[in-house]
Amino acid sequence: MQVFSPSADTWLRFGMVGVLFLLVCGALAAAGYANSGYATQVGWFRDQEVPFSHKHHVGELGIDCRYCHSSVETSADAGLPATQVCMTCHSQIWTDAPMLAPVRRSFALDRPLRWHRVAQLPDYVYFDHSIHVQRGVACVECHGRLDEMPLTYRAKALQMQFCLDCHRNPAPNLRPPEQVTRMDWRGWNKDIATRYGNAALARFHIVPGRLDNCGLCHR
């Protein structure tokens, strides 16, 4: 007695091909989502209590990043500016500007402004600003051209591959530590970057082969 019809084997093959097709499509969709702007948030703005413009303060006025992010050279956290830092200038200029009302209120009530982090990493990732700054990784490498941003957005996809690419070949991304806040590096060509980067590796005893150890970032 025949249990399966003559076409059963054909339908089985079609079914297996269909399942394989769905699995491939699912994998491609997942990969596409992981690298999409929605997932990486590249180019996305965060609503802030005060619409702070890096373009104005950094690009036009030339205020150094370290004036507001005062702990970036000495701490794992770059630090967010205290209201008193803002009021250093704004107690003298733009004293009645409506957009600065939250700053004045914060100062009067002695309550910190609530800034929303743009370059927020997951809790399972350890990142130390100070060691990167001290070795000459310029702010622009991770944060983009802040001096051209009227409102701050995430410029780079801060995914693990982004970090690993740099850790495995850090030389091209190294700059003189005293110039880390410089935004425009167009005059720093590939030849200069290579020569300086290789010298910096030797100077700071940086061994790229040790920089992709999982324990460095996942502790």
Foldseek 3Di string as FASTA:
>chain_A
DDPDDPCPVVVVVVVVVVVVVVVVVVVVVVVCVCPDCVNLVAPPFDDFLAQAALLCVCVPVNDFPCLQQVCLQPWQGSHGGWLVSVCVPCVPPPVPPPSCVVSVVCVVVVHGGDGDDQPDDDPQWRGGSNVCLQLAQAPCLFQNQSSPGRGGHGNDRPDPVSVLVCLLPVQLRGDPSVCRRDHDDPVCDPVNSNVRSVVSCVVVVRDSVPRVDPVVTGD
